[in-house]
Amino acid sequence: MKRIVDEEIRLVPYYPNEEVALKWYQDPQLCKQVDDIDCVYTLDMIVSY
Protein backbone atom coordinates (compact mmCIF):
# COMPACT_ATOMS: atom_id res chain seq x y z
CA MET A 1 0.00 0.00 0.00
CA LYS A 2 1.37 3.43 -0.95
CA ARG A 3 1.12 6.25 1.55
CA ILE A 4 0.76 9.76 0.21
CA VAL A 5 2.71 12.33 2.21
CA ASP A 6 1.88 15.27 -0.04
CA GLU A 7 1.47 16.00 -3.75
CA GLU A 8 5.15 15.27 -4.46
CA ILE A 9 6.04 12.53 -1.97
CA ARG A 10 4.70 9.00 -1.77
CA LEU A 11 6.06 6.20 0.41
CA VAL A 12 6.18 2.70 -1.03
CA PRO A 13 6.40 -0.53 0.98
CA TYR A 14 9.88 -1.81 1.80
CA TYR A 15 10.98 -4.99 0.09
CA PRO A 16 14.11 -6.87 1.13
CA ASN A 17 16.97 -7.04 -1.35
CA GLU A 18 19.81 -8.67 0.52
CA GLU A 19 22.12 -8.89 -2.52
CA VAL A 20 22.14 -5.12 -2.96
CA ALA A 21 22.38 -4.50 0.78
CA LEU A 22 25.33 -6.89 1.15
CA LYS A 23 27.31 -5.08 -1.56
CA TRP A 24 26.54 -1.76 0.13
CA TYR A 25 27.57 -2.94 3.58
CA GLN A 26 30.91 -4.36 2.47
CA ASP A 27 32.41 -0.87 2.74
CA PRO A 28 34.07 -0.49 6.17
CA GLN A 29 33.82 3.32 6.09
CA LEU A 30 30.11 3.18 5.36
CA CYS A 31 29.52 0.71 8.21
CA LYS A 32 31.41 2.99 10.58
CA GLN A 33 29.44 6.06 9.50
CA VAL A 34 26.01 4.43 9.44
CA ASP A 35 26.14 2.01 12.37
CA ASP A 36 29.36 2.98 14.18
CA ILE A 37 30.84 -0.51 13.85
CA ASP A 38 34.39 -1.48 12.91
CA CYS A 39 33.52 -4.44 10.71
CA VAL A 40 31.55 -5.14 7.55
CA TYR A 41 28.24 -6.98 7.51
CA THR A 42 27.72 -10.60 6.58
CA LEU A 43 24.65 -11.88 4.80
CA ASP A 44 23.47 -13.47 8.06
CA MET A 45 23.69 -10.11 9.82
CA ILE A 46 21.65 -8.41 7.10
CA VAL A 47 18.95 -11.09 7.00
CA SER A 48 18.57 -11.12 10.80
CA TYR A 49 17.68 -7.40 10.97
C-alpha atoms as a PDB file:
ATOM      1  CA  MET A   1       0.000   0.000   0.000  1.00  0.00           C
ATOM      2  CA  LYS A   2       1.366   3.425  -0.947  1.00  0.00           C
ATOM      3  CA  ARG A   3       1.121   6.248   1.551  1.00  0.00           C
ATOM      4  CA  ILE A   4       0.762   9.756   0.207  1.00  0.00           C
ATOM      5  CA  VAL A   5       2.711  12.332   2.206  1.00  0.00           C
ATOM      6  CA  ASP A   6       1.877  15.270  -0.042  1.00  0.00           C
ATOM      7  CA  GLU A   7       1.474  15.998  -3.749  1.00  0.00           C
ATOM      8  CA  GLU A   8       5.145  15.270  -4.459  1.00  0.00           C
ATOM      9  CA  ILE A   9       6.041  12.535  -1.968  1.00  0.00           C
ATOM     10  CA  ARG A  10       4.697   8.997  -1.770  1.00  0.00           C
ATOM     11  CA  LEU A  11       6.058   6.199   0.410  1.00  0.00           C
ATOM     12  CA  VAL A  12       6.177   2.703  -1.035  1.00  0.00           C
ATOM     13  CA  PRO A  13       6.397  -0.531   0.977  1.00  0.00           C
ATOM     14  CA  TYR A  14       9.877  -1.813   1.804  1.00  0.00           C
ATOM     15  CA  TYR A  15      10.979  -4.985   0.089  1.00  0.00           C
ATOM     16  CA  PRO A  16      14.105  -6.870   1.127  1.00  0.00           C
ATOM     17  CA  ASN A  17      16.967  -7.036  -1.349  1.00  0.00           C
ATOM     18  CA  GLU A  18      19.815  -8.673   0.524  1.00  0.00           C
ATOM     19  CA  GLU A  19      22.120  -8.886  -2.521  1.00  0.00           C
ATOM     20  CA  VAL A  20      22.144  -5.120  -2.957  1.00  0.00           C
ATOM     21  CA  ALA A  21      22.382  -4.504   0.784  1.00  0.00           C
ATOM     22  CA  LEU A  22      25.328  -6.889   1.145  1.00  0.00           C
ATOM     23  CA  LYS A  23      27.311  -5.081  -1.562  1.00  0.00           C
ATOM     24  CA  TRP A  24      26.545  -1.758   0.125  1.00  0.00           C
ATOM     25  CA  TYR A  25      27.565  -2.939   3.580  1.00  0.00           C
ATOM     26  CA  GLN A  26      30.911  -4.361   2.468  1.00  0.00           C
ATOM     27  CA  ASP A  27      32.409  -0.871   2.741  1.00  0.00           C
ATOM     28  CA  PRO A  28      34.070  -0.488   6.171  1.00  0.00           C
ATOM     29  CA  GLN A  29      33.821   3.319   6.085  1.00  0.00           C
ATOM     30  CA  LEU A  30      30.105   3.180   5.365  1.00  0.00           C
ATOM     31  CA  CYS A  31      29.520   0.707   8.208  1.00  0.00           C
ATOM     32  CA  LYS A  32      31.411   2.991  10.576  1.00  0.00           C
ATOM     33  CA  GLN A  33      29.437   6.062   9.496  1.00  0.00           C
ATOM     34  CA  VAL A  34      26.012   4.434   9.436  1.00  0.00           C
ATOM     35  CA  ASP A  35      26.140   2.011  12.370  1.00  0.00           C
ATOM     36  CA  ASP A  36      29.365   2.978  14.181  1.00  0.00           C
ATOM     37  CA  ILE A  37      30.835  -0.513  13.846  1.00  0.00           C
ATOM     38  CA  ASP A  38      34.388  -1.479  12.915  1.00  0.00           C
ATOM     39  CA  CYS A  39      33.521  -4.439  10.707  1.00  0.00           C
ATOM     40  CA  VAL A  40      31.548  -5.136   7.552  1.00  0.00           C
ATOM     41  CA  TYR A  41      28.242  -6.979   7.510  1.00  0.00           C
ATOM     42  CA  THR A  42      27.717 -10.601   6.581  1.00  0.00           C
ATOM     43  CA  LEU A  43      24.651 -11.878   4.801  1.00  0.00           C
ATOM     44  CA  ASP A  44      23.471 -13.470   8.065  1.00  0.00           C
ATOM     45  CA  MET A  45      23.693 -10.106   9.825  1.00  0.00           C
ATOM     46  CA  ILE A  46      21.649  -8.408   7.105  1.00  0.00           C
ATOM     47  CA  VAL A  47      18.950 -11.091   6.999  1.00  0.00           C
ATOM     48  CA  SER A  48      18.567 -11.122  10.797  1.00  0.00           C
ATOM     49  CA  TYR A  49      17.680  -7.404  10.966  1.00  0.00           C
END
